[in-house]
Amino acid sequence: MLFAPDTEMSLRAAAALVNTQPGASDSGSDELATVDDLRSFFEEWEYTGDRLGTAEELAAVRDVRPVLRELMTADAEGMPVRVNRILAEDHAVPQLVTHDDLGWHLHATPASAPLAVRIRVETAMALVDLVRNGEVNRVKVCAADDCDALLVDLSKNRSKRFCDVGNCGNRANVNAYRARKAASA
């Protein structure tokens, strides 16, 4: 299933944000520790609108990570409830907008809304597409035993199992190879 580019970008950005939490990366540390880290994240994922670049904004964005994790890992019955709650709490009003090279797409908050609110609402709006299309299982927790990172599986056959945070897929393949070699020896 193909999703709109803004949906895919919002889902990937939300997973990347959740994966900045301590323990989700190979480093084991918080990957969103400074205002500079936030600025880099903002620019990498092409969020639009106001940004303050303050410690308060950083704290608000860091606080949204567990909310997004809960939202994105909810099952098919729980996700719509959580999405609706966020959209109501943040007074989302979807509007068609065009900017940069994205063409027409939806924004549901004004550009002046706090960054953490924009992230919550953009993630919720992207998840609306997953819920409507019965594709909630496109957001997964990494299959590696020692990894808790989120991944967004946009493959045609829904076969992605490992995150992009660490080398989980590579490590799993190496371990499977070694196990096969040991079994044949």
C-alpha atoms as a PDB file:
ATOM      1  CA  MET A   1       0.000   0.000   0.000  1.00  0.00           C
ATOM      2  CA  LEU A   2       1.268   3.432  -0.851  1.00  0.00           C
ATOM      3  CA  PHE A   3       0.757   6.293   1.548  1.00  0.00           C
ATOM      4  CA  ALA A   4       0.971  10.006   0.866  1.00  0.00           C
ATOM      5  CA  PRO A   5       4.509  11.383   1.187  1.00  0.00           C
ATOM      6  CA  ASP A   6       3.585  13.530   4.195  1.00  0.00           C
ATOM      7  CA  THR A   7       2.120  10.474   5.938  1.00  0.00           C
ATOM      8  CA  GLU A   8       5.270   8.443   5.374  1.00  0.00           C
ATOM      9  CA  MET A   9       7.508  11.307   6.479  1.00  0.00           C
ATOM     10  CA  SER A  10       5.461  11.911   9.642  1.00  0.00           C
ATOM     11  CA  LEU A  11       5.517   8.229  10.573  1.00  0.00           C
ATOM     12  CA  ARG A  12       9.254   7.924  10.024  1.00  0.00           C
ATOM     13  CA  ALA A  13       9.946  11.151  11.899  1.00  0.00           C
ATOM     14  CA  ALA A  14       7.819  10.038  14.849  1.00  0.00           C
ATOM     15  CA  ALA A  15       9.603   6.672  15.009  1.00  0.00           C
ATOM     16  CA  ALA A  16      12.956   8.444  14.785  1.00  0.00           C
ATOM     17  CA  LEU A  17      11.937  10.761  17.619  1.00  0.00           C
ATOM     18  CA  VAL A  18      10.802   7.872  19.811  1.00  0.00           C
ATOM     19  CA  ASN A  19      14.070   6.127  19.037  1.00  0.00           C
ATOM     20  CA  THR A  20      16.081   9.036  20.467  1.00  0.00           C
ATOM     21  CA  GLN A  21      15.118   7.846  23.955  1.00  0.00           C
ATOM     22  CA  PRO A  22      17.808   6.259  26.113  1.00  0.00           C
ATOM     23  CA  GLY A  23      18.208   2.594  25.321  1.00  0.00           C
ATOM     24  CA  ALA A  24      16.694   2.746  21.849  1.00  0.00           C
ATOM     25  CA  SER A  25      20.023   3.268  20.107  1.00  0.00           C
ATOM     26  CA  ASP A  26      23.341   1.489  20.212  1.00  0.00           C
ATOM     27  CA  SER A  27      24.792   4.279  22.317  1.00  0.00           C
ATOM     28  CA  GLY A  28      22.298   3.673  25.127  1.00  0.00           C
ATOM     29  CA  SER A  29      22.146   7.396  25.778  1.00  0.00           C
ATOM     30  CA  ASP A  30      19.542  10.046  25.077  1.00  0.00           C
ATOM     31  CA  GLU A  31      20.004  11.143  21.469  1.00  0.00           C
ATOM     32  CA  LEU A  32      17.944  14.287  22.072  1.00  0.00           C
ATOM     33  CA  ALA A  33      19.930  15.761  24.941  1.00  0.00           C
ATOM     34  CA  THR A  34      20.594  19.315  23.781  1.00  0.00           C
ATOM     35  CA  VAL A  35      18.898  22.154  21.964  1.00  0.00           C
ATOM     36  CA  ASP A  36      21.379  21.542  19.132  1.00  0.00           C
ATOM     37  CA  ASP A  37      20.158  17.922  18.941  1.00  0.00           C
ATOM     38  CA  LEU A  38      16.602  19.245  18.659  1.00  0.00           C
ATOM     39  CA  ARG A  39      17.605  21.702  15.943  1.00  0.00           C
ATOM     40  CA  SER A  40      19.247  18.890  13.990  1.00  0.00           C
ATOM     41  CA  PHE A  41      16.183  16.697  14.397  1.00  0.00           C
ATOM     42  CA  PHE A  42      13.905  19.545  13.298  1.00  0.00           C
ATOM     43  CA  GLU A  43      15.963  20.134  10.169  1.00  0.00           C
ATOM     44  CA  GLU A  44      16.515  16.461   9.314  1.00  0.00           C
ATOM     45  CA  TRP A  45      12.811  15.696   9.392  1.00  0.00           C
ATOM     46  CA  GLU A  46      11.804  18.971   7.739  1.00  0.00           C
ATOM     47  CA  TYR A  47       9.275  20.112  10.291  1.00  0.00           C
ATOM     48  CA  THR A  48       7.760  23.407   9.294  1.00  0.00           C
ATOM     49  CA  GLY A  49       6.583  26.262  11.451  1.00  0.00           C
ATOM     50  CA  ASP A  50       7.975  28.146  14.371  1.00  0.00           C
ATOM     51  CA  ARG A  51      10.779  26.834  16.490  1.00  0.00           C
ATOM     52  CA  LEU A  52      12.036  28.485  19.597  1.00  0.00           C
ATOM     53  CA  GLY A  53      15.287  26.644  20.168  1.00  0.00           C
ATOM     54  CA  THR A  54      14.860  26.835  23.929  1.00  0.00           C
ATOM     55  CA  ALA A  55      15.390  24.410  26.771  1.00  0.00           C
ATOM     56  CA  GLU A  56      11.618  24.494  27.369  1.00  0.00           C
ATOM     57  CA  GLU A  57      10.898  23.450  23.792  1.00  0.00           C
ATOM     58  CA  LEU A  58      13.470  20.665  24.095  1.00  0.00           C
ATOM     59  CA  ALA A  59      11.826  19.438  27.312  1.00  0.00           C
ATOM     60  CA  ALA A  60       8.369  19.487  25.693  1.00  0.00           C
ATOM     61  CA  VAL A  61       9.568  17.480  22.689  1.00  0.00           C
ATOM     62  CA  ARG A  62      11.365  14.996  24.923  1.00  0.00           C
ATOM     63  CA  ASP A  63       8.159  14.610  26.956  1.00  0.00           C
ATOM     64  CA  VAL A  64       6.183  13.748  23.819  1.00  0.00           C
ATOM     65  CA  ARG A  65       8.340  10.687  23.051  1.00  0.00           C
ATOM     66  CA  PRO A  66       6.615   8.241  25.448  1.00  0.00           C
ATOM     67  CA  VAL A  67       3.231   9.551  24.286  1.00  0.00           C
ATOM     68  CA  LEU A  68       4.162   8.805  20.674  1.00  0.00           C
ATOM     69  CA  ARG A  69       5.506   5.379  21.597  1.00  0.00           C
ATOM     70  CA  GLU A  70       2.238   4.486  23.326  1.00  0.00           C
ATOM     71  CA  LEU A  71       0.265   5.873  20.404  1.00  0.00           C
ATOM     72  CA  MET A  72       2.287   4.116  17.718  1.00  0.00           C
ATOM     73  CA  THR A  73       2.395   0.735  19.436  1.00  0.00           C
ATOM     74  CA  ALA A  74      -1.310   0.637  20.240  1.00  0.00           C
ATOM     75  CA  ASP A  75      -3.360  -2.143  18.696  1.00  0.00           C
ATOM     76  CA  ALA A  76      -6.077  -1.672  16.085  1.00  0.00           C
ATOM     77  CA  GLU A  77      -8.707  -0.945  18.751  1.00  0.00           C
ATOM     78  CA  GLY A  78      -6.589   1.323  20.936  1.00  0.00           C
ATOM     79  CA  MET A  79      -4.948   3.422  18.242  1.00  0.00           C
ATOM     80  CA  PRO A  80      -8.127   5.212  17.057  1.00  0.00           C
ATOM     81  CA  VAL A  81      -9.016   6.099  20.647  1.00  0.00           C
ATOM     82  CA  ARG A  82      -5.553   7.573  21.249  1.00  0.00           C
ATOM     83  CA  VAL A  83      -5.499   9.376  17.889  1.00  0.00           C
ATOM     84  CA  ASN A  84      -8.899  10.953  18.566  1.00  0.00           C
ATOM     85  CA  ARG A  85      -7.794  12.022  22.040  1.00  0.00           C
ATOM     86  CA  ILE A  86      -4.696  13.782  20.706  1.00  0.00           C
ATOM     87  CA  LEU A  87      -6.590  15.478  17.888  1.00  0.00           C
ATOM     88  CA  ALA A  88      -9.223  16.733  20.345  1.00  0.00           C
ATOM     89  CA  GLU A  89      -6.745  17.818  23.033  1.00  0.00           C
ATOM     90  CA  ASP A  90      -4.642  19.739  20.530  1.00  0.00           C
ATOM     91  CA  HIS A  91      -7.659  21.279  18.761  1.00  0.00           C
ATOM     92  CA  ALA A  92      -6.608  19.909  15.394  1.00  0.00           C
ATOM     93  CA  VAL A  93      -8.272  21.544  12.413  1.00  0.00           C
ATOM     94  CA  PRO A  94      -7.108  19.876   9.193  1.00  0.00           C
ATOM     95  CA  GLN A  95      -6.379  22.223   6.325  1.00  0.00           C
ATOM     96  CA  LEU A  96      -4.873  21.700   2.912  1.00  0.00           C
ATOM     97  CA  VAL A  97      -1.544  23.491   2.532  1.00  0.00           C
ATOM     98  CA  THR A  98       1.285  23.519   0.050  1.00  0.00           C
ATOM     99  CA  HIS A  99       4.881  24.493   0.688  1.00  0.00           C
ATOM    100  CA  ASP A 100       8.344  23.513  -0.414  1.00  0.00           C
ATOM    101  CA  ASP A 101       8.085  20.682  -2.954  1.00  0.00           C
ATOM    102  CA  LEU A 102       5.467  18.649  -1.105  1.00  0.00           C
ATOM    103  CA  GLY A 103       2.412  19.683  -3.089  1.00  0.00           C
ATOM    104  CA  TRP A 104      -0.955  19.690  -1.378  1.00  0.00           C
ATOM    105  CA  HIS A 105      -1.078  17.928   1.964  1.00  0.00           C
ATOM    106  CA  LEU A 106      -2.719  18.289   5.372  1.00  0.00           C
ATOM    107  CA  HIS A 107      -1.619  20.332   8.342  1.00  0.00           C
ATOM    108  CA  ALA A 108      -3.862  20.303  11.370  1.00  0.00           C
ATOM    109  CA  THR A 109      -2.153  22.917  13.532  1.00  0.00           C
ATOM    110  CA  PRO A 110      -1.013  26.448  12.810  1.00  0.00           C
ATOM    111  CA  ALA A 111       2.675  27.030  12.138  1.00  0.00           C
ATOM    112  CA  SER A 112       2.799  28.955  15.412  1.00  0.00           C
ATOM    113  CA  ALA A 113       1.715  25.948  17.506  1.00  0.00           C
ATOM    114  CA  PRO A 114       4.417  24.601  19.823  1.00  0.00           C
ATOM    115  CA  LEU A 115       6.701  22.079  18.145  1.00  0.00           C
ATOM    116  CA  ALA A 116       5.667  19.277  20.516  1.00  0.00           C
ATOM    117  CA  VAL A 117       2.004  19.875  19.619  1.00  0.00           C
ATOM    118  CA  ARG A 118       2.783  19.873  15.902  1.00  0.00           C
ATOM    119  CA  ILE A 119       4.667  16.594  16.291  1.00  0.00           C
ATOM    120  CA  ARG A 120       1.813  14.973  18.233  1.00  0.00           C
ATOM    121  CA  VAL A 121      -0.814  16.101  15.740  1.00  0.00           C
ATOM    122  CA  GLU A 122       1.213  15.264  12.622  1.00  0.00           C
ATOM    123  CA  THR A 123       1.840  11.790  14.004  1.00  0.00           C
ATOM    124  CA  ALA A 124      -1.832  11.335  14.866  1.00  0.00           C
ATOM    125  CA  MET A 125      -2.868  12.518  11.397  1.00  0.00           C
ATOM    126  CA  ALA A 126      -0.448  10.050   9.773  1.00  0.00           C
ATOM    127  CA  LEU A 127      -1.819   7.241  11.924  1.00  0.00           C
ATOM    128  CA  VAL A 128      -5.326   8.119  10.719  1.00  0.00           C
ATOM    129  CA  ASP A 129      -4.266   6.791   7.317  1.00  0.00           C
ATOM    130  CA  LEU A 130      -2.984   3.557   8.851  1.00  0.00           C
ATOM    131  CA  VAL A 131      -6.187   3.030  10.832  1.00  0.00           C
ATOM    132  CA  ARG A 132      -8.448   3.805   7.851  1.00  0.00           C
ATOM    133  CA  ASN A 133      -6.545   1.382   5.651  1.00  0.00           C
ATOM    134  CA  GLY A 134      -6.294  -1.409   8.229  1.00  0.00           C
ATOM    135  CA  GLU A 135      -2.508  -1.046   8.269  1.00  0.00           C
ATOM    136  CA  VAL A 136      -1.871  -0.394  11.967  1.00  0.00           C
ATOM    137  CA  ASN A 137       0.675  -3.212  11.983  1.00  0.00           C
ATOM    138  CA  ARG A 138       2.978  -1.096   9.777  1.00  0.00           C
ATOM    139  CA  VAL A 139       4.446   0.341  12.999  1.00  0.00           C
ATOM    140  CA  LYS A 140       6.387  -2.303  14.903  1.00  0.00           C
ATOM    141  CA  VAL A 141       8.921  -2.815  17.640  1.00  0.00           C
ATOM    142  CA  CYS A 142      12.246  -4.146  16.361  1.00  0.00           C
ATOM    143  CA  ALA A 143      12.363  -7.956  16.333  1.00  0.00           C
ATOM    144  CA  ALA A 144      15.867  -8.083  17.834  1.00  0.00           C
ATOM    145  CA  ASP A 145      15.785  -9.486  21.362  1.00  0.00           C
ATOM    146  CA  ASP A 146      18.000  -6.715  22.699  1.00  0.00           C
ATOM    147  CA  CYS A 147      16.330  -3.762  20.926  1.00  0.00           C
ATOM    148  CA  ASP A 148      13.236  -1.776  21.791  1.00  0.00           C
ATOM    149  CA  ALA A 149      13.318   0.681  18.881  1.00  0.00           C
ATOM    150  CA  LEU A 150      10.303   1.389  16.695  1.00  0.00           C
ATOM    151  CA  LEU A 151      10.255   0.889  12.969  1.00  0.00           C
ATOM    152  CA  VAL A 152       7.828   1.867  10.248  1.00  0.00           C
ATOM    153  CA  ASP A 153       7.408  -0.916   7.705  1.00  0.00           C
ATOM    154  CA  LEU A 154       6.499   0.629   4.373  1.00  0.00           C
ATOM    155  CA  SER A 155       7.636  -2.382   2.357  1.00  0.00           C
ATOM    156  CA  LYS A 156       5.135  -3.846  -0.098  1.00  0.00           C
ATOM    157  CA  ASN A 157       5.071  -7.224   1.607  1.00  0.00           C
ATOM    158  CA  ARG A 158       5.177  -5.924   5.213  1.00  0.00           C
ATOM    159  CA  SER A 159       8.322  -7.940   5.861  1.00  0.00           C
ATOM    160  CA  LYS A 160      10.548  -5.422   7.627  1.00  0.00           C
ATOM    161  CA  ARG A 161      11.438  -6.781  11.065  1.00  0.00           C
ATOM    162  CA  PHE A 162      14.451  -4.838  12.242  1.00  0.00           C
ATOM    163  CA  CYS A 163      14.962  -1.148  12.987  1.00  0.00           C
ATOM    164  CA  ASP A 164      17.352   1.266  11.343  1.00  0.00           C
ATOM    165  CA  VAL A 165      18.707   2.512  14.666  1.00  0.00           C
ATOM    166  CA  GLY A 166      21.381  -0.080  15.208  1.00  0.00           C
ATOM    167  CA  ASN A 167      22.689  -2.978  13.251  1.00  0.00           C
ATOM    168  CA  CYS A 168      19.895  -5.251  14.407  1.00  0.00           C
ATOM    169  CA  GLY A 169      19.160  -6.856  11.058  1.00  0.00           C
ATOM    170  CA  ASN A 170      22.831  -7.406  10.337  1.00  0.00           C
ATOM    171  CA  ARG A 171      23.445  -8.831  13.816  1.00  0.00           C
ATOM    172  CA  ALA A 172      20.475 -11.200  13.443  1.00  0.00           C
ATOM    173  CA  ASN A 173      21.759 -12.401  10.071  1.00  0.00           C
ATOM    174  CA  VAL A 174      25.271 -12.969  11.450  1.00  0.00           C
ATOM    175  CA  ASN A 175      23.887 -14.856  14.470  1.00  0.00           C
ATOM    176  CA  ALA A 176      21.697 -17.027  12.227  1.00  0.00           C
ATOM    177  CA  TYR A 177      24.670 -17.747   9.968  1.00  0.00           C
ATOM    178  CA  ARG A 178      26.835 -18.697  12.946  1.00  0.00           C
ATOM    179  CA  ALA A 179      24.087 -20.927  14.313  1.00  0.00           C
ATOM    180  CA  ARG A 180      23.751 -22.710  10.972  1.00  0.00           C
ATOM    181  CA  LYS A 181      27.535 -23.161  10.769  1.00  0.00           C
ATOM    182  CA  ALA A 182      27.643 -24.506  14.325  1.00  0.00           C
ATOM    183  CA  ALA A 183      24.766 -26.909  13.612  1.00  0.00           C
ATOM    184  CA  SER A 184      26.430 -28.277  10.505  1.00  0.00           C
ATOM    185  CA  ALA A 185      29.826 -28.705  12.197  1.00  0.00           C
END
